[in-house]
Amino acid sequence: MTSTVNFVPLKDRVLLKRVDQEAKTPGGIIIPDTAKEKPVEGEVLAVGSGVRDEQGNLHSLEVKVGDKVLFSKWGGNEVKIDGCDYVIMKESDILGILNK
């Protein structure tokens, strides 16, 4: 699902694409779109350059392009770039990286 987006986040911000949830429960019940919750899993598409400490040293972000991450349901700002929906959030709002 990794794609190229014409957008570069600033500093400690990250651009994510939400990963869609399953349309079926484990028991086989189909969930309509209106009943689905916002996914809290996403793929990192772009990362900022990092943050500077008090001495001016640049610290790069821990997440990198291609990482699958978990974030809070209402975290970040939803944006539309080139007709696609994305989420921009600070790295500190990401809860963790999913192991592959």
C-alpha atoms as a PDB file:
ATOM      1  CA  MET A   1       0.000   0.000   0.000  1.00  0.00           C
ATOM      2  CA  THR A   2       3.011   2.314   0.157  1.00  0.00           C
ATOM      3  CA  SER A   3       2.530   5.199  -2.243  1.00  0.00           C
ATOM      4  CA  THR A   4       4.220   8.456  -3.106  1.00  0.00           C
ATOM      5  CA  VAL A   5       2.478  11.586  -1.856  1.00  0.00           C
ATOM      6  CA  ASN A   6       3.413  15.089  -2.909  1.00  0.00           C
ATOM      7  CA  PHE A   7       3.636  16.318   0.708  1.00  0.00           C
ATOM      8  CA  VAL A   8       6.449  16.696   3.250  1.00  0.00           C
ATOM      9  CA  PRO A   9       5.456  17.050   6.930  1.00  0.00           C
ATOM     10  CA  LEU A  10       7.336  19.588   9.037  1.00  0.00           C
ATOM     11  CA  LYS A  11       9.444  18.828  12.120  1.00  0.00           C
ATOM     12  CA  ASP A  12       7.921  15.993  14.224  1.00  0.00           C
ATOM     13  CA  ARG A  13       4.807  15.468  12.126  1.00  0.00           C
ATOM     14  CA  VAL A  14       3.889  12.303  10.243  1.00  0.00           C
ATOM     15  CA  LEU A  15       1.545  11.703   7.280  1.00  0.00           C
ATOM     16  CA  LEU A  16      -0.550   8.529   7.641  1.00  0.00           C
ATOM     17  CA  LYS A  17      -3.026   6.642   5.501  1.00  0.00           C
ATOM     18  CA  ARG A  18      -5.645   4.830   7.570  1.00  0.00           C
ATOM     19  CA  VAL A  19      -5.819   1.056   7.074  1.00  0.00           C
ATOM     20  CA  ASP A  20      -9.415  -0.066   6.538  1.00  0.00           C
ATOM     21  CA  GLN A  21     -11.026  -2.456   8.975  1.00  0.00           C
ATOM     22  CA  GLU A  22     -12.487  -5.804   8.047  1.00  0.00           C
ATOM     23  CA  ALA A  23     -16.067  -5.581   6.787  1.00  0.00           C
ATOM     24  CA  LYS A  24     -16.930  -8.839   8.583  1.00  0.00           C
ATOM     25  CA  THR A  25     -16.772  -9.925  12.196  1.00  0.00           C
ATOM     26  CA  PRO A  26     -15.031 -13.213  13.066  1.00  0.00           C
ATOM     27  CA  GLY A  27     -18.519 -14.749  13.296  1.00  0.00           C
ATOM     28  CA  GLY A  28     -19.297 -13.777   9.683  1.00  0.00           C
ATOM     29  CA  ILE A  29     -21.596 -10.799  10.336  1.00  0.00           C
ATOM     30  CA  ILE A  30     -21.142  -8.084   7.705  1.00  0.00           C
ATOM     31  CA  ILE A  31     -20.671  -4.615   9.207  1.00  0.00           C
ATOM     32  CA  PRO A  32     -22.264  -1.765   7.206  1.00  0.00           C
ATOM     33  CA  ASP A  33     -20.117   1.317   6.503  1.00  0.00           C
ATOM     34  CA  THR A  34     -22.303   3.470   8.768  1.00  0.00           C
ATOM     35  CA  ALA A  35     -21.577   1.250  11.785  1.00  0.00           C
ATOM     36  CA  LYS A  36     -17.814   1.017  11.310  1.00  0.00           C
ATOM     37  CA  GLU A  37     -15.539   2.890  13.671  1.00  0.00           C
ATOM     38  CA  LYS A  38     -12.631   4.954  12.427  1.00  0.00           C
ATOM     39  CA  PRO A  39      -9.591   2.729  11.994  1.00  0.00           C
ATOM     40  CA  VAL A  40      -6.807   3.311  14.495  1.00  0.00           C
ATOM     41  CA  GLU A  41      -4.192   1.588  12.374  1.00  0.00           C
ATOM     42  CA  GLY A  42      -2.308   3.349   9.626  1.00  0.00           C
ATOM     43  CA  GLU A  43       0.683   3.258   7.333  1.00  0.00           C
ATOM     44  CA  VAL A  44       3.326   5.980   7.503  1.00  0.00           C
ATOM     45  CA  LEU A  45       3.646   7.654   4.100  1.00  0.00           C
ATOM     46  CA  ALA A  46       5.925  10.599   4.964  1.00  0.00           C
ATOM     47  CA  VAL A  47       7.835  11.876   7.999  1.00  0.00           C
ATOM     48  CA  GLY A  48       9.217  15.257   8.994  1.00  0.00           C
ATOM     49  CA  SER A  49      12.876  16.049   9.545  1.00  0.00           C
ATOM     50  CA  GLY A  50      12.696  15.696  13.345  1.00  0.00           C
ATOM     51  CA  VAL A  51      12.908  18.037  16.319  1.00  0.00           C
ATOM     52  CA  ARG A  52      15.737  20.114  17.704  1.00  0.00           C
ATOM     53  CA  ASP A  53      16.698  19.982  21.357  1.00  0.00           C
ATOM     54  CA  GLU A  54      17.746  22.995  23.448  1.00  0.00           C
ATOM     55  CA  GLN A  55      21.319  22.718  22.132  1.00  0.00           C
ATOM     56  CA  GLY A  56      20.135  22.767  18.516  1.00  0.00           C
ATOM     57  CA  ASN A  57      20.842  19.098  17.799  1.00  0.00           C
ATOM     58  CA  LEU A  58      18.395  17.482  15.360  1.00  0.00           C
ATOM     59  CA  HIS A  59      16.753  14.253  16.570  1.00  0.00           C
ATOM     60  CA  SER A  60      15.171  12.212  13.780  1.00  0.00           C
ATOM     61  CA  LEU A  61      11.834  10.463  14.245  1.00  0.00           C
ATOM     62  CA  GLU A  62      11.545   6.826  15.329  1.00  0.00           C
ATOM     63  CA  VAL A  63       8.869   5.975  12.753  1.00  0.00           C
ATOM     64  CA  LYS A  64       9.799   5.698   9.109  1.00  0.00           C
ATOM     65  CA  VAL A  65       7.989   5.459   5.793  1.00  0.00           C
ATOM     66  CA  GLY A  66       6.269   2.091   5.442  1.00  0.00           C
ATOM     67  CA  ASP A  67       5.776   1.459   9.188  1.00  0.00           C
ATOM     68  CA  LYS A  68       2.362   0.215  10.314  1.00  0.00           C
ATOM     69  CA  VAL A  69       1.348   2.130  13.451  1.00  0.00           C
ATOM     70  CA  LEU A  70      -1.463   2.387  15.994  1.00  0.00           C
ATOM     71  CA  PHE A  71      -2.798   5.779  17.032  1.00  0.00           C
ATOM     72  CA  SER A  72      -5.672   7.130  19.111  1.00  0.00           C
ATOM     73  CA  LYS A  73      -9.089   7.154  17.470  1.00  0.00           C
ATOM     74  CA  TRP A  74      -9.408  10.937  17.515  1.00  0.00           C
ATOM     75  CA  GLY A  75      -5.716  11.780  17.100  1.00  0.00           C
ATOM     76  CA  GLY A  76      -4.309  13.967  14.348  1.00  0.00           C
ATOM     77  CA  ASN A  77      -5.845  16.181  11.701  1.00  0.00           C
ATOM     78  CA  GLU A  78      -7.687  14.709   8.743  1.00  0.00           C
ATOM     79  CA  VAL A  79      -6.708  16.255   5.403  1.00  0.00           C
ATOM     80  CA  LYS A  80      -7.424  15.628   1.747  1.00  0.00           C
ATOM     81  CA  ILE A  81      -4.434  15.706  -0.628  1.00  0.00           C
ATOM     82  CA  ASP A  82      -4.922  15.053  -4.348  1.00  0.00           C
ATOM     83  CA  GLY A  83      -8.411  13.679  -3.605  1.00  0.00           C
ATOM     84  CA  CYS A  84      -7.262  11.111  -1.014  1.00  0.00           C
ATOM     85  CA  ASP A  85      -7.892  11.181   2.741  1.00  0.00           C
ATOM     86  CA  TYR A  86      -4.897  11.231   5.083  1.00  0.00           C
ATOM     87  CA  VAL A  87      -4.098  11.979   8.733  1.00  0.00           C
ATOM     88  CA  ILE A  88      -1.321  14.322   9.871  1.00  0.00           C
ATOM     89  CA  MET A  89      -0.205  13.972  13.483  1.00  0.00           C
ATOM     90  CA  LYS A  90       2.775  14.495  15.749  1.00  0.00           C
ATOM     91  CA  GLU A  91       4.920  11.445  16.316  1.00  0.00           C
ATOM     92  CA  SER A  92       4.129  11.672  20.038  1.00  0.00           C
ATOM     93  CA  ASP A  93       0.442  10.959  19.209  1.00  0.00           C
ATOM     94  CA  ILE A  94       1.380   7.572  17.725  1.00  0.00           C
ATOM     95  CA  LEU A  95       0.906   4.800  20.279  1.00  0.00           C
ATOM     96  CA  GLY A  96       3.279   2.259  18.750  1.00  0.00           C
ATOM     97  CA  ILE A  97       4.667   0.483  15.702  1.00  0.00           C
ATOM     98  CA  LEU A  98       3.152  -2.864  14.708  1.00  0.00           C
ATOM     99  CA  ASN A  99       5.714  -5.623  14.126  1.00  0.00           C
ATOM    100  CA  LYS A 100       5.579  -7.225  10.701  1.00  0.00           C
END
